[in-house]
Amino acid sequence: MIEEQKHYKFFNNETDNVICYISVPTDKLRGKEVLESTRLRLAIENGIYIGSIYYIEDIERETEK
């Protein structure tokens, strides 16, 4: 069985550049955990202040289905 997923984009707030695309389960608890751990990982890997990284749901990818 294929699990339902939502698609998100991560942005660097200082540059407004997209730095990552990710799909997460629609389960709110697991999804939030994946999003926050990805945000932390991106901050560490890219040397960016975590407060400068945000994510939004990628509506464009949702409509391509």
PDB file of N, CA and C in Angstrom:
ATOM      1  N   MET A   1       0.838  -1.184   0.000  1.00  0.00           N
ATOM      2  CA  MET A   1       0.000   0.000   0.000  1.00  0.00           C
ATOM      3  C   MET A   1       0.885   1.251   0.000  1.00  0.00           C
ATOM      4  N   ILE A   2       0.591   2.182  -0.855  1.00  0.00           N
ATOM      5  CA  ILE A   2       1.350   3.428  -0.958  1.00  0.00           C
ATOM      6  C   ILE A   2       0.801   4.426   0.055  1.00  0.00           C
ATOM      7  N   GLU A   3       1.697   4.991   0.844  1.00  0.00           N
ATOM      8  CA  GLU A   3       1.321   5.963   1.861  1.00  0.00           C
ATOM      9  C   GLU A   3       1.128   7.339   1.220  1.00  0.00           C
ATOM     10  N   GLU A   4       0.067   8.039   1.622  1.00  0.00           N
ATOM     11  CA  GLU A   4      -0.179   9.395   1.132  1.00  0.00           C
ATOM     12  C   GLU A   4       0.938  10.317   1.605  1.00  0.00           C
ATOM     13  N   GLN A   5       1.352  11.229   0.729  1.00  0.00           N
ATOM     14  CA  GLN A   5       2.426  12.144   1.080  1.00  0.00           C
ATOM     15  C   GLN A   5       2.085  13.564   0.639  1.00  0.00           C
ATOM     16  N   LYS A   6       2.701  14.514   1.332  1.00  0.00           N
ATOM     17  CA  LYS A   6       2.635  15.924   0.942  1.00  0.00           C
ATOM     18  C   LYS A   6       4.032  16.336   0.526  1.00  0.00           C
ATOM     19  N   HIS A   7       4.106  17.315  -0.351  1.00  0.00           N
ATOM     20  CA  HIS A   7       5.386  17.784  -0.869  1.00  0.00           C
ATOM     21  C   HIS A   7       5.671  19.181  -0.315  1.00  0.00           C
ATOM     22  N   TYR A   8       6.940  19.404   0.059  1.00  0.00           N
ATOM     23  CA  TYR A   8       7.347  20.675   0.654  1.00  0.00           C
ATOM     24  C   TYR A   8       8.612  21.193  -0.002  1.00  0.00           C
ATOM     25  N   LYS A   9       8.769  22.537   0.059  1.00  0.00           N
ATOM     26  CA  LYS A   9       9.990  23.209  -0.386  1.00  0.00           C
ATOM     27  C   LYS A   9      10.606  23.882   0.831  1.00  0.00           C
ATOM     28  N   PHE A  10      11.933  23.785   0.941  1.00  0.00           N
ATOM     29  CA  PHE A  10      12.672  24.488   1.990  1.00  0.00           C
ATOM     30  C   PHE A  10      13.382  25.669   1.353  1.00  0.00           C
ATOM     31  N   PHE A  11      13.265  26.834   1.982  1.00  0.00           N
ATOM     32  CA  PHE A  11      13.865  28.072   1.492  1.00  0.00           C
ATOM     33  C   PHE A  11      14.887  28.600   2.483  1.00  0.00           C
ATOM     34  N   ASN A  12      15.890  29.292   1.935  1.00  0.00           N
ATOM     35  CA  ASN A  12      16.788  30.099   2.751  1.00  0.00           C
ATOM     36  C   ASN A  12      16.160  31.489   2.768  1.00  0.00           C
ATOM     37  N   ASN A  13      15.731  31.927   3.917  1.00  0.00           N
ATOM     38  CA  ASN A  13      15.033  33.205   4.062  1.00  0.00           C
ATOM     39  C   ASN A  13      15.901  34.395   3.662  1.00  0.00           C
ATOM     40  N   GLU A  14      17.213  34.288   3.829  1.00  0.00           N
ATOM     41  CA  GLU A  14      18.105  35.400   3.508  1.00  0.00           C
ATOM     42  C   GLU A  14      18.256  35.604   2.006  1.00  0.00           C
ATOM     43  N   THR A  15      18.201  34.509   1.231  1.00  0.00           N
ATOM     44  CA  THR A  15      18.400  34.600  -0.215  1.00  0.00           C
ATOM     45  C   THR A  15      17.140  34.287  -1.017  1.00  0.00           C
ATOM     46  N   ASP A  16      16.124  33.758  -0.371  1.00  0.00           N
ATOM     47  CA  ASP A  16      14.885  33.296  -1.012  1.00  0.00           C
ATOM     48  C   ASP A  16      15.118  32.177  -2.025  1.00  0.00           C
ATOM     49  N   ASN A  17      16.243  31.481  -1.907  1.00  0.00           N
ATOM     50  CA  ASN A  17      16.522  30.341  -2.782  1.00  0.00           C
ATOM     51  C   ASN A  17      15.946  29.068  -2.193  1.00  0.00           C
ATOM     52  N   VAL A  18      15.407  28.208  -3.072  1.00  0.00           N
ATOM     53  CA  VAL A  18      14.965  26.887  -2.645  1.00  0.00           C
ATOM     54  C   VAL A  18      16.222  26.047  -2.413  1.00  0.00           C
ATOM     55  N   ILE A  19      16.310  25.406  -1.249  1.00  0.00           N
ATOM     56  CA  ILE A  19      17.489  24.600  -0.961  1.00  0.00           C
ATOM     57  C   ILE A  19      17.178  23.111  -0.878  1.00  0.00           C
ATOM     58  N   CYS A  20      15.880  22.750  -0.867  1.00  0.00           N
ATOM     59  CA  CYS A  20      15.546  21.334  -0.778  1.00  0.00           C
ATOM     60  C   CYS A  20      14.073  21.124  -1.097  1.00  0.00           C
ATOM     61  N   TYR A  21      13.768  19.991  -1.726  1.00  0.00           N
ATOM     62  CA  TYR A  21      12.401  19.520  -1.914  1.00  0.00           C
ATOM     63  C   TYR A  21      12.282  18.209  -1.151  1.00  0.00           C
ATOM     64  N   ILE A  22      11.141  17.978  -0.523  1.00  0.00           N
ATOM     65  CA  ILE A  22      10.970  16.746   0.243  1.00  0.00           C
ATOM     66  C   ILE A  22       9.498  16.335   0.227  1.00  0.00           C
ATOM     67  N   SER A  23       9.261  15.042   0.287  1.00  0.00           N
ATOM     68  CA  SER A  23       7.918  14.493   0.435  1.00  0.00           C
ATOM     69  C   SER A  23       7.847  13.819   1.792  1.00  0.00           C
ATOM     70  N   VAL A  24       6.770  14.085   2.522  1.00  0.00           N
ATOM     71  CA  VAL A  24       6.614  13.528   3.864  1.00  0.00           C
ATOM     72  C   VAL A  24       5.233  12.890   3.987  1.00  0.00           C
ATOM     73  N   PRO A  25       5.091  11.960   4.931  1.00  0.00           N
ATOM     74  CA  PRO A  25       3.781  11.343   5.156  1.00  0.00           C
ATOM     75  C   PRO A  25       2.749  12.377   5.578  1.00  0.00           C
ATOM     76  N   THR A  26       1.494  12.130   5.248  1.00  0.00           N
ATOM     77  CA  THR A  26       0.437  13.071   5.627  1.00  0.00           C
ATOM     78  C   THR A  26       0.105  12.993   7.109  1.00  0.00           C
ATOM     79  N   ASP A  27       0.573  11.960   7.793  1.00  0.00           N
ATOM     80  CA  ASP A  27       0.397  11.842   9.240  1.00  0.00           C
ATOM     81  C   ASP A  27       1.043  13.059   9.897  1.00  0.00           C
ATOM     82  N   LYS A  28       0.252  13.890  10.557  1.00  0.00           N
ATOM     83  CA  LYS A  28       0.738  15.170  11.090  1.00  0.00           C
ATOM     84  C   LYS A  28       1.923  15.011  12.037  1.00  0.00           C
ATOM     85  N   LEU A  29       1.880  14.034  12.922  1.00  0.00           N
ATOM     86  CA  LEU A  29       2.950  13.864  13.894  1.00  0.00           C
ATOM     87  C   LEU A  29       4.247  13.437  13.216  1.00  0.00           C
ATOM     88  N   ARG A  30       4.199  12.427  12.362  1.00  0.00           N
ATOM     89  CA  ARG A  30       5.401  11.967  11.661  1.00  0.00           C
ATOM     90  C   ARG A  30       5.880  13.006  10.666  1.00  0.00           C
ATOM     91  N   GLY A  31       4.953  13.644   9.976  1.00  0.00           N
ATOM     92  CA  GLY A  31       5.316  14.659   8.990  1.00  0.00           C
ATOM     93  C   GLY A  31       6.049  15.827   9.613  1.00  0.00           C
ATOM     94  N   LYS A  32       5.556  16.327  10.731  1.00  0.00           N
ATOM     95  CA  LYS A  32       6.183  17.457  11.424  1.00  0.00           C
ATOM     96  C   LYS A  32       7.582  17.068  11.900  1.00  0.00           C
ATOM     97  N   GLU A  33       7.724  15.844  12.388  1.00  0.00           N
ATOM     98  CA  GLU A  33       9.031  15.366  12.854  1.00  0.00           C
ATOM     99  C   GLU A  33      10.033  15.326  11.703  1.00  0.00           C
ATOM    100  N   VAL A  34       9.613  14.844  10.549  1.00  0.00           N
ATOM    101  CA  VAL A  34      10.497  14.768   9.381  1.00  0.00           C
ATOM    102  C   VAL A  34      10.865  16.173   8.908  1.00  0.00           C
ATOM    103  N   LEU A  35       9.897  17.070   8.865  1.00  0.00           N
ATOM    104  CA  LEU A  35      10.160  18.439   8.415  1.00  0.00           C
ATOM    105  C   LEU A  35      11.159  19.152   9.324  1.00  0.00           C
ATOM    106  N   GLU A  36      10.984  19.041  10.625  1.00  0.00           N
ATOM    107  CA  GLU A  36      11.883  19.728  11.555  1.00  0.00           C
ATOM    108  C   GLU A  36      13.278  19.112  11.564  1.00  0.00           C
ATOM    109  N   SER A  37      13.367  17.784  11.442  1.00  0.00           N
ATOM    110  CA  SER A  37      14.702  17.167  11.410  1.00  0.00           C
ATOM    111  C   SER A  37      15.420  17.516  10.105  1.00  0.00           C
ATOM    112  N   THR A  38      14.682  17.642   9.016  1.00  0.00           N
ATOM    113  CA  THR A  38      15.270  18.047   7.741  1.00  0.00           C
ATOM    114  C   THR A  38      15.744  19.498   7.818  1.00  0.00           C
ATOM    115  N   ARG A  39      14.957  20.336   8.445  1.00  0.00           N
ATOM    116  CA  ARG A  39      15.332  21.744   8.620  1.00  0.00           C
ATOM    117  C   ARG A  39      16.635  21.861   9.411  1.00  0.00           C
ATOM    118  N   LEU A  40      16.758  21.097  10.471  1.00  0.00           N
ATOM    119  CA  LEU A  40      17.979  21.098  11.279  1.00  0.00           C
ATOM    120  C   LEU A  40      19.164  20.571  10.479  1.00  0.00           C
ATOM    121  N   ARG A  41      18.969  19.488   9.747  1.00  0.00           N
ATOM    122  CA  ARG A  41      20.042  18.905   8.934  1.00  0.00           C
ATOM    123  C   ARG A  41      20.527  19.891   7.879  1.00  0.00           C
ATOM    124  N   LEU A  42      19.598  20.579   7.223  1.00  0.00           N
ATOM    125  CA  LEU A  42      19.971  21.561   6.194  1.00  0.00           C
ATOM    126  C   LEU A  42      20.771  22.714   6.798  1.00  0.00           C
ATOM    127  N   ALA A  43      20.382  23.164   7.988  1.00  0.00           N
ATOM    128  CA  ALA A  43      21.107  24.249   8.651  1.00  0.00           C
ATOM    129  C   ALA A  43      22.536  23.822   8.948  1.00  0.00           C
ATOM    130  N   ILE A  44      22.704  22.620   9.464  1.00  0.00           N
ATOM    131  CA  ILE A  44      24.040  22.130   9.809  1.00  0.00           C
ATOM    132  C   ILE A  44      24.882  21.916   8.558  1.00  0.00           C
ATOM    133  N   GLU A  45      24.327  21.240   7.564  1.00  0.00           N
ATOM    134  CA  GLU A  45      25.089  20.922   6.349  1.00  0.00           C
ATOM    135  C   GLU A  45      25.493  22.162   5.564  1.00  0.00           C
ATOM    136  N   ASN A  46      24.659  23.191   5.594  1.00  0.00           N
ATOM    137  CA  ASN A  46      24.922  24.386   4.790  1.00  0.00           C
ATOM    138  C   ASN A  46      25.469  25.559   5.595  1.00  0.00           C
ATOM    139  N   GLY A  47      25.650  25.378   6.887  1.00  0.00           N
ATOM    140  CA  GLY A  47      26.166  26.456   7.729  1.00  0.00           C
ATOM    141  C   GLY A  47      25.245  27.658   7.770  1.00  0.00           C
ATOM    142  N   ILE A  48      23.938  27.399   7.796  1.00  0.00           N
ATOM    143  CA  ILE A  48      22.929  28.460   7.794  1.00  0.00           C
ATOM    144  C   ILE A  48      22.246  28.480   9.159  1.00  0.00           C
ATOM    145  N   TYR A  49      21.990  29.670   9.673  1.00  0.00           N
ATOM    146  CA  TYR A  49      21.225  29.814  10.915  1.00  0.00           C
ATOM    147  C   TYR A  49      19.865  29.151  10.723  1.00  0.00           C
ATOM    148  N   ILE A  50      19.461  28.289  11.653  1.00  0.00           N
ATOM    149  CA  ILE A  50      18.219  27.530  11.510  1.00  0.00           C
ATOM    150  C   ILE A  50      16.999  28.445  11.379  1.00  0.00           C
ATOM    151  N   GLY A  51      17.051  29.626  11.988  1.00  0.00           N
ATOM    152  CA  GLY A  51      15.949  30.572  11.872  1.00  0.00           C
ATOM    153  C   GLY A  51      15.790  31.149  10.476  1.00  0.00           C
ATOM    154  N   SER A  52      16.785  30.940   9.618  1.00  0.00           N
ATOM    155  CA  SER A  52      16.723  31.430   8.238  1.00  0.00           C
ATOM    156  C   SER A  52      16.139  30.403   7.277  1.00  0.00           C
ATOM    157  N   ILE A  53      15.835  29.219   7.780  1.00  0.00           N
ATOM    158  CA  ILE A  53      15.300  28.162   6.918  1.00  0.00           C
ATOM    159  C   ILE A  53      13.822  27.965   7.246  1.00  0.00           C
ATOM    160  N   TYR A  54      12.994  28.011   6.219  1.00  0.00           N
ATOM    161  CA  TYR A  54      11.572  27.753   6.410  1.00  0.00           C
ATOM    162  C   TYR A  54      11.078  26.851   5.293  1.00  0.00           C
ATOM    163  N   TYR A  55       9.900  26.283   5.483  1.00  0.00           N
ATOM    164  CA  TYR A  55       9.334  25.389   4.470  1.00  0.00           C
ATOM    165  C   TYR A  55       7.870  25.733   4.246  1.00  0.00           C
ATOM    166  N   ILE A  56       7.427  25.446   3.034  1.00  0.00           N
ATOM    167  CA  ILE A  56       6.026  25.616   2.675  1.00  0.00           C
ATOM    168  C   ILE A  56       5.595  24.413   1.856  1.00  0.00           C
ATOM    169  N   GLU A  57       4.302  24.154   1.866  1.00  0.00           N
ATOM    170  CA  GLU A  57       3.779  23.059   1.061  1.00  0.00           C
ATOM    171  C   GLU A  57       3.903  23.433  -0.410  1.00  0.00           C
ATOM    172  N   ASP A  58       4.358  22.482  -1.208  1.00  0.00           N
ATOM    173  CA  ASP A  58       4.562  22.715  -2.637  1.00  0.00           C
ATOM    174  C   ASP A  58       3.280  22.349  -3.384  1.00  0.00           C
ATOM    175  N   ILE A  59       2.415  23.314  -3.534  1.00  0.00           N
ATOM    176  CA  ILE A  59       1.111  23.107  -4.168  1.00  0.00           C
ATOM    177  C   ILE A  59       1.272  22.697  -5.641  1.00  0.00           C
ATOM    178  N   GLU A  60       2.257  23.242  -6.329  1.00  0.00           N
ATOM    179  CA  GLU A  60       2.474  22.934  -7.749  1.00  0.00           C
ATOM    180  C   GLU A  60       2.716  21.451  -7.950  1.00  0.00           C
ATOM    181  N   ARG A  61       3.488  20.813  -7.089  1.00  0.00           N
ATOM    182  CA  ARG A  61       3.782  19.384  -7.213  1.00  0.00           C
ATOM    183  C   ARG A  61       2.542  18.561  -6.877  1.00  0.00           C
ATOM    184  N   GLU A  62       1.684  19.070  -5.994  1.00  0.00           N
ATOM    185  CA  GLU A  62       0.463  18.368  -5.643  1.00  0.00           C
ATOM    186  C   GLU A  62      -0.495  18.304  -6.828  1.00  0.00           C
ATOM    187  N   THR A  63      -0.560  19.370  -7.624  1.00  0.00           N
ATOM    188  CA  THR A  63      -1.485  19.406  -8.739  1.00  0.00           C
ATOM    189  C   THR A  63      -1.006  18.628  -9.949  1.00  0.00           C
ATOM    190  N   GLU A  64       0.274  18.230  -9.977  1.00  0.00           N
ATOM    191  CA  GLU A  64       0.808  17.465 -11.104  1.00  0.00           C
ATOM    192  C   GLU A  64       0.367  16.014 -11.084  1.00  0.00           C
ATOM    193  N   LYS A  65      -0.167  15.539  -9.979  1.00  0.00           N
ATOM    194  CA  LYS A  65      -0.552  14.131  -9.849  1.00  0.00           C
ATOM    195  C   LYS A  65      -1.636  13.734 -10.801  1.00  0.00           C
TER     196      LYS A  65
END
